[in-house]
Every structure is written in structure tokens, then in C-alpha cells.
N, C-alpha and C. Protein backbone atom coordinates (compact mmCIF):
# COMPACT_ATOMS: atom_id res chain seq x y z
N UNK A 1 89.13 -19.86 31.95
CA UNK A 1 90.12 -20.89 32.13
C UNK A 1 89.46 -22.25 31.97
N UNK A 2 90.09 -23.11 31.18
CA UNK A 2 89.58 -24.47 30.96
C UNK A 2 90.20 -25.48 31.92
N UNK A 3 91.46 -25.24 32.30
CA UNK A 3 92.12 -26.19 33.18
C UNK A 3 93.42 -25.66 33.74
N UNK A 4 93.94 -26.41 34.72
CA UNK A 4 95.17 -26.00 35.38
C UNK A 4 95.85 -27.25 35.92
N UNK A 5 97.19 -27.27 35.87
CA UNK A 5 97.94 -28.37 36.44
C UNK A 5 99.31 -27.87 36.87
N UNK A 6 100.04 -28.72 37.57
CA UNK A 6 101.33 -28.34 38.11
C UNK A 6 102.46 -28.94 37.26
N UNK A 7 103.50 -28.15 37.04
CA UNK A 7 104.72 -28.63 36.39
C UNK A 7 105.81 -28.60 37.46
N UNK A 8 106.05 -29.75 38.07
CA UNK A 8 107.04 -29.85 39.15
C UNK A 8 108.47 -29.66 38.68
N UNK A 9 108.73 -29.94 37.40
CA UNK A 9 110.09 -29.83 36.88
C UNK A 9 110.62 -28.40 36.93
N UNK A 10 109.75 -27.43 36.65
CA UNK A 10 110.18 -26.02 36.69
C UNK A 10 109.47 -25.26 37.81
N UNK A 11 108.81 -25.99 38.70
CA UNK A 11 108.13 -25.43 39.87
C UNK A 11 107.17 -24.30 39.49
N UNK A 12 106.27 -24.62 38.55
CA UNK A 12 105.29 -23.65 38.08
C UNK A 12 103.91 -24.28 37.98
N UNK A 13 102.92 -23.43 37.92
CA UNK A 13 101.55 -23.84 37.63
C UNK A 13 101.25 -23.44 36.19
N UNK A 14 100.49 -24.26 35.49
CA UNK A 14 100.15 -24.00 34.10
C UNK A 14 98.63 -23.94 33.99
N UNK A 15 98.14 -22.87 33.38
CA UNK A 15 96.70 -22.76 33.13
C UNK A 15 96.49 -22.58 31.63
N UNK A 16 95.32 -22.98 31.18
CA UNK A 16 95.02 -22.80 29.75
C UNK A 16 93.55 -22.47 29.56
N UNK A 17 93.31 -21.70 28.50
CA UNK A 17 91.96 -21.35 28.08
C UNK A 17 91.78 -21.89 26.67
N UNK A 18 90.77 -21.46 25.97
CA UNK A 18 90.56 -21.94 24.61
C UNK A 18 91.63 -21.44 23.64
N UNK A 19 92.34 -20.36 23.99
CA UNK A 19 93.33 -19.77 23.09
C UNK A 19 94.73 -19.62 23.67
N UNK A 20 94.87 -19.58 24.98
CA UNK A 20 96.15 -19.24 25.60
C UNK A 20 96.62 -20.29 26.60
N UNK A 21 97.96 -20.35 26.74
CA UNK A 21 98.59 -21.15 27.79
C UNK A 21 99.44 -20.18 28.61
N UNK A 22 99.29 -20.24 29.93
CA UNK A 22 100.03 -19.36 30.83
C UNK A 22 100.81 -20.21 31.83
N UNK A 23 102.04 -19.79 32.11
CA UNK A 23 102.86 -20.46 33.12
C UNK A 23 103.08 -19.46 34.25
N UNK A 24 102.79 -19.89 35.49
CA UNK A 24 102.84 -19.02 36.66
C UNK A 24 103.89 -19.54 37.64
N UNK A 25 104.64 -18.64 38.23
CA UNK A 25 105.59 -18.99 39.28
C UNK A 25 104.80 -19.51 40.47
N UNK A 26 105.13 -20.69 40.92
CA UNK A 26 104.36 -21.34 42.00
C UNK A 26 104.40 -20.54 43.31
N UNK A 27 105.56 -20.02 43.65
CA UNK A 27 105.71 -19.34 44.94
C UNK A 27 105.12 -17.93 44.96
N UNK A 28 105.27 -17.19 43.87
CA UNK A 28 104.85 -15.79 43.86
C UNK A 28 103.54 -15.53 43.11
N UNK A 29 103.15 -16.45 42.24
CA UNK A 29 101.96 -16.23 41.43
C UNK A 29 102.22 -15.34 40.23
N UNK A 30 103.48 -14.99 40.00
CA UNK A 30 103.85 -14.12 38.88
C UNK A 30 103.82 -14.91 37.57
N UNK A 31 103.28 -14.28 36.50
CA UNK A 31 103.24 -14.92 35.20
C UNK A 31 104.65 -14.96 34.62
N UNK A 32 105.11 -16.16 34.26
CA UNK A 32 106.46 -16.36 33.74
C UNK A 32 106.47 -16.40 32.22
N UNK A 33 105.51 -17.12 31.64
CA UNK A 33 105.40 -17.28 30.19
C UNK A 33 103.94 -17.29 29.79
N UNK A 34 103.70 -16.92 28.54
CA UNK A 34 102.35 -16.96 28.01
C UNK A 34 102.44 -17.08 26.49
N UNK A 35 101.61 -17.92 25.91
CA UNK A 35 101.56 -18.02 24.46
C UNK A 35 100.12 -18.04 23.98
N UNK A 36 99.93 -17.57 22.76
CA UNK A 36 98.66 -17.68 22.07
C UNK A 36 98.78 -18.91 21.17
N UNK A 37 98.09 -19.96 21.50
CA UNK A 37 98.20 -21.22 20.79
C UNK A 37 97.74 -21.08 19.34
N UNK A 38 96.76 -20.23 19.10
CA UNK A 38 96.28 -20.04 17.74
C UNK A 38 97.37 -19.49 16.84
N UNK A 39 98.19 -18.58 17.37
CA UNK A 39 99.29 -18.02 16.60
C UNK A 39 100.43 -19.01 16.41
N UNK A 40 100.77 -19.74 17.47
CA UNK A 40 101.92 -20.66 17.42
C UNK A 40 101.59 -21.91 16.61
N UNK A 41 100.42 -22.48 16.84
CA UNK A 41 100.07 -23.75 16.20
C UNK A 41 99.34 -23.56 14.88
N UNK A 42 98.79 -22.38 14.65
CA UNK A 42 98.00 -22.16 13.45
C UNK A 42 96.78 -23.07 13.42
N UNK A 43 96.20 -23.29 14.57
CA UNK A 43 95.13 -24.26 14.72
C UNK A 43 93.91 -23.62 15.35
N UNK A 44 92.90 -24.44 15.57
CA UNK A 44 91.67 -23.98 16.21
C UNK A 44 91.84 -23.91 17.72
N UNK A 45 90.76 -23.81 18.43
CA UNK A 45 90.77 -23.66 19.89
C UNK A 45 91.31 -24.90 20.60
N UNK A 46 91.83 -24.67 21.80
CA UNK A 46 92.30 -25.76 22.65
C UNK A 46 91.09 -26.51 23.20
N UNK A 47 91.11 -27.80 23.06
CA UNK A 47 90.07 -28.64 23.64
C UNK A 47 90.50 -29.10 25.03
N UNK A 48 91.75 -29.60 25.14
CA UNK A 48 92.29 -30.03 26.43
C UNK A 48 93.81 -30.09 26.34
N UNK A 49 94.44 -30.24 27.49
CA UNK A 49 95.90 -30.17 27.56
C UNK A 49 96.40 -31.00 28.73
N UNK A 50 97.62 -31.55 28.58
CA UNK A 50 98.26 -32.27 29.67
C UNK A 50 99.77 -32.12 29.56
N UNK A 51 100.47 -32.65 30.55
CA UNK A 51 101.92 -32.52 30.61
C UNK A 51 102.55 -33.85 30.99
N UNK A 52 103.67 -34.19 30.38
CA UNK A 52 104.44 -35.37 30.76
C UNK A 52 105.65 -34.93 31.56
N UNK A 53 105.68 -35.28 32.83
CA UNK A 53 106.83 -34.97 33.68
C UNK A 53 108.05 -35.78 33.24
N UNK A 54 107.81 -36.99 32.76
CA UNK A 54 108.89 -37.87 32.34
C UNK A 54 109.63 -37.30 31.13
N UNK A 55 108.88 -36.89 30.11
CA UNK A 55 109.48 -36.40 28.86
C UNK A 55 109.58 -34.87 28.81
N UNK A 56 108.99 -34.21 29.78
CA UNK A 56 109.01 -32.75 29.89
C UNK A 56 108.43 -32.06 28.65
N UNK A 57 107.26 -32.55 28.23
CA UNK A 57 106.57 -31.95 27.10
C UNK A 57 105.09 -31.79 27.39
N UNK A 58 104.49 -30.79 26.75
CA UNK A 58 103.06 -30.55 26.83
C UNK A 58 102.38 -31.15 25.62
N UNK A 59 101.22 -31.72 25.84
CA UNK A 59 100.37 -32.21 24.76
C UNK A 59 99.11 -31.35 24.75
N UNK A 60 98.80 -30.76 23.62
CA UNK A 60 97.61 -29.91 23.47
C UNK A 60 96.75 -30.49 22.36
N UNK A 61 95.49 -30.74 22.65
CA UNK A 61 94.54 -31.19 21.64
C UNK A 61 93.69 -30.00 21.24
N UNK A 62 93.58 -29.76 19.93
CA UNK A 62 92.77 -28.65 19.43
C UNK A 62 91.51 -29.19 18.76
N UNK A 63 90.55 -28.31 18.57
CA UNK A 63 89.25 -28.71 18.04
C UNK A 63 89.27 -29.08 16.57
N UNK A 64 90.42 -28.96 15.91
CA UNK A 64 90.54 -29.42 14.52
C UNK A 64 91.20 -30.80 14.45
N UNK A 65 91.12 -31.56 15.57
CA UNK A 65 91.55 -32.95 15.66
C UNK A 65 93.07 -33.11 15.48
N UNK A 66 93.84 -32.21 16.09
CA UNK A 66 95.29 -32.29 16.04
C UNK A 66 95.86 -32.37 17.46
N UNK A 67 96.94 -33.12 17.59
CA UNK A 67 97.68 -33.20 18.84
C UNK A 67 98.96 -32.39 18.64
N UNK A 68 99.09 -31.29 19.38
CA UNK A 68 100.26 -30.43 19.28
C UNK A 68 101.20 -30.75 20.43
N UNK A 69 102.50 -30.68 20.17
CA UNK A 69 103.51 -30.99 21.17
C UNK A 69 104.41 -29.77 21.35
N UNK A 70 104.57 -29.35 22.62
CA UNK A 70 105.45 -28.24 22.95
C UNK A 70 106.41 -28.70 24.04
N UNK A 71 107.60 -28.11 24.06
CA UNK A 71 108.53 -28.48 25.12
C UNK A 71 108.18 -27.74 26.40
N UNK A 72 108.96 -27.97 27.41
CA UNK A 72 108.69 -27.42 28.74
C UNK A 72 108.66 -25.90 28.78
N UNK A 73 109.33 -25.27 27.83
CA UNK A 73 109.39 -23.80 27.79
C UNK A 73 108.47 -23.23 26.72
N UNK A 74 107.46 -24.02 26.33
CA UNK A 74 106.42 -23.65 25.38
C UNK A 74 106.94 -23.38 23.98
N UNK A 75 108.05 -24.01 23.63
CA UNK A 75 108.53 -23.95 22.25
C UNK A 75 107.84 -25.06 21.46
N UNK A 76 107.32 -24.70 20.30
CA UNK A 76 106.55 -25.63 19.48
C UNK A 76 107.44 -26.69 18.85
N UNK A 77 107.05 -27.96 19.00
CA UNK A 77 107.80 -29.08 18.42
C UNK A 77 107.13 -29.56 17.14
N UNK A 78 105.82 -29.75 17.18
CA UNK A 78 105.11 -30.23 15.99
C UNK A 78 103.70 -30.68 16.33
N UNK A 79 103.04 -31.27 15.36
CA UNK A 79 101.68 -31.75 15.56
C UNK A 79 101.47 -33.08 14.84
N UNK A 80 100.44 -33.79 15.29
CA UNK A 80 100.07 -35.07 14.72
C UNK A 80 98.56 -35.09 14.52
N UNK A 81 98.07 -35.66 13.42
CA UNK A 81 96.62 -35.73 13.21
C UNK A 81 96.00 -36.79 14.11
N UNK A 82 94.77 -36.54 14.51
CA UNK A 82 94.00 -37.49 15.31
C UNK A 82 92.82 -37.98 14.49
N UNK A 83 92.49 -39.25 14.64
CA UNK A 83 91.29 -39.77 14.01
C UNK A 83 90.12 -39.75 14.99
N UNK A 84 90.43 -39.45 16.24
CA UNK A 84 89.42 -39.39 17.29
C UNK A 84 88.83 -37.98 17.28
N UNK A 85 87.51 -37.89 17.28
CA UNK A 85 86.86 -36.59 17.20
C UNK A 85 86.47 -36.05 18.57
N UNK A 86 86.46 -34.74 18.66
CA UNK A 86 85.99 -34.00 19.84
C UNK A 86 86.52 -34.58 21.15
N UNK A 87 87.80 -34.53 21.30
CA UNK A 87 88.45 -35.02 22.51
C UNK A 87 88.22 -34.02 23.64
N UNK A 88 87.73 -34.51 24.75
CA UNK A 88 87.43 -33.66 25.91
C UNK A 88 88.35 -33.90 27.09
N UNK A 89 89.16 -34.97 27.01
CA UNK A 89 90.05 -35.31 28.12
C UNK A 89 91.33 -35.90 27.55
N UNK A 90 92.46 -35.49 28.14
CA UNK A 90 93.76 -36.06 27.78
C UNK A 90 94.61 -36.15 29.05
N UNK A 91 95.33 -37.25 29.17
CA UNK A 91 96.24 -37.42 30.31
C UNK A 91 97.42 -38.25 29.84
N UNK A 92 98.61 -37.91 30.33
CA UNK A 92 99.78 -38.72 30.02
C UNK A 92 100.18 -39.48 31.27
N UNK A 93 100.23 -40.79 31.15
CA UNK A 93 100.62 -41.66 32.26
C UNK A 93 102.12 -41.92 32.13
N UNK A 94 102.90 -41.23 32.94
CA UNK A 94 104.36 -41.35 32.86
C UNK A 94 104.84 -42.78 33.12
N UNK A 95 104.22 -43.45 34.07
CA UNK A 95 104.67 -44.78 34.46
C UNK A 95 104.63 -45.77 33.29
N UNK A 96 103.60 -45.72 32.50
CA UNK A 96 103.48 -46.64 31.37
C UNK A 96 103.76 -45.99 30.03
N UNK A 97 104.15 -44.71 30.04
CA UNK A 97 104.39 -43.93 28.82
C UNK A 97 103.20 -44.02 27.87
N UNK A 98 102.00 -43.78 28.41
CA UNK A 98 100.78 -43.87 27.62
C UNK A 98 100.04 -42.54 27.63
N UNK A 99 99.57 -42.17 26.47
CA UNK A 99 98.71 -41.00 26.33
C UNK A 99 97.28 -41.51 26.32
N UNK A 100 96.46 -41.03 27.24
CA UNK A 100 95.08 -41.48 27.36
C UNK A 100 94.18 -40.34 26.91
N UNK A 101 93.30 -40.62 25.94
CA UNK A 101 92.40 -39.61 25.43
C UNK A 101 90.96 -40.13 25.47
N UNK A 102 90.02 -39.21 25.65
CA UNK A 102 88.60 -39.58 25.65
C UNK A 102 87.84 -38.51 24.88
N UNK A 103 86.95 -38.97 24.02
CA UNK A 103 86.12 -38.08 23.23
C UNK A 103 84.80 -38.74 22.88
N UNK A 104 84.11 -38.19 21.91
CA UNK A 104 82.80 -38.74 21.56
C UNK A 104 82.91 -40.12 20.89
N UNK A 105 84.12 -40.46 20.39
CA UNK A 105 84.34 -41.76 19.76
C UNK A 105 84.78 -42.83 20.75
N UNK A 106 84.96 -42.44 22.03
CA UNK A 106 85.37 -43.41 23.03
C UNK A 106 86.67 -43.03 23.72
N UNK A 107 87.22 -43.97 24.47
CA UNK A 107 88.48 -43.76 25.20
C UNK A 107 89.57 -44.61 24.55
N UNK A 108 90.76 -44.02 24.45
CA UNK A 108 91.86 -44.70 23.79
C UNK A 108 93.16 -44.44 24.51
N UNK A 109 94.11 -45.37 24.39
CA UNK A 109 95.48 -45.14 24.84
C UNK A 109 96.37 -45.18 23.61
N UNK A 110 97.32 -44.30 23.61
CA UNK A 110 98.22 -44.19 22.46
C UNK A 110 99.64 -44.40 22.93
């Protein structure tokens, strides 16, 4: 497991590894959803991931410098190219509607 965070909108916990995203029922610990990002996105491994409670979407950064967007139910929306290499951290600041990323090229807000 690379990371874990809470999705308060659907009262679940979300965990991710280099290839998979899992959604767990907060109260019971039962797995609700699971996807293989490599199959859905056709991309390389997951580098990092975050969630926007405001927009109810997941942002996934993969090691091929792409930002993938999925809705709250893990349905694929699309992807955008990144010029920033090897991103190791991503966070969405709902209050300012800013995506914050950090990698070997520095820290940026989008």
C-alpha cells in the first residue's frame, strides 16, 4: 500500500498501491470497489493520489507523467499530460480549488 485517505462524501476509506485503488466501507471494513489502474488508464504505475471533496473526483498521478481523473465511483473521466517529472506528492486544496504537486522539478500549484 502506498497511501490511504478518507472519502467523507460516501463514508469510505480509499487505499492505493502501485497498480490498484480500493474503496473500503468505513464502518465494516468491507471492500466496496476495486480497480486496476493499469487496465483502466492504460498507463504506468501510480505515483500518488488524492481526492477533492468539493468536486468529488480522484486525481491519480502515474509514473508516465500523466494526471488521471476519476469520479467518486472510480469511473474514468480522462487524463492530462504533466510537464513535471517524478511527482511524489499530490494534494487538492478544496478551499482555494488548487492542485498542489511536488516532484523532482519542484513544487507547483495548478
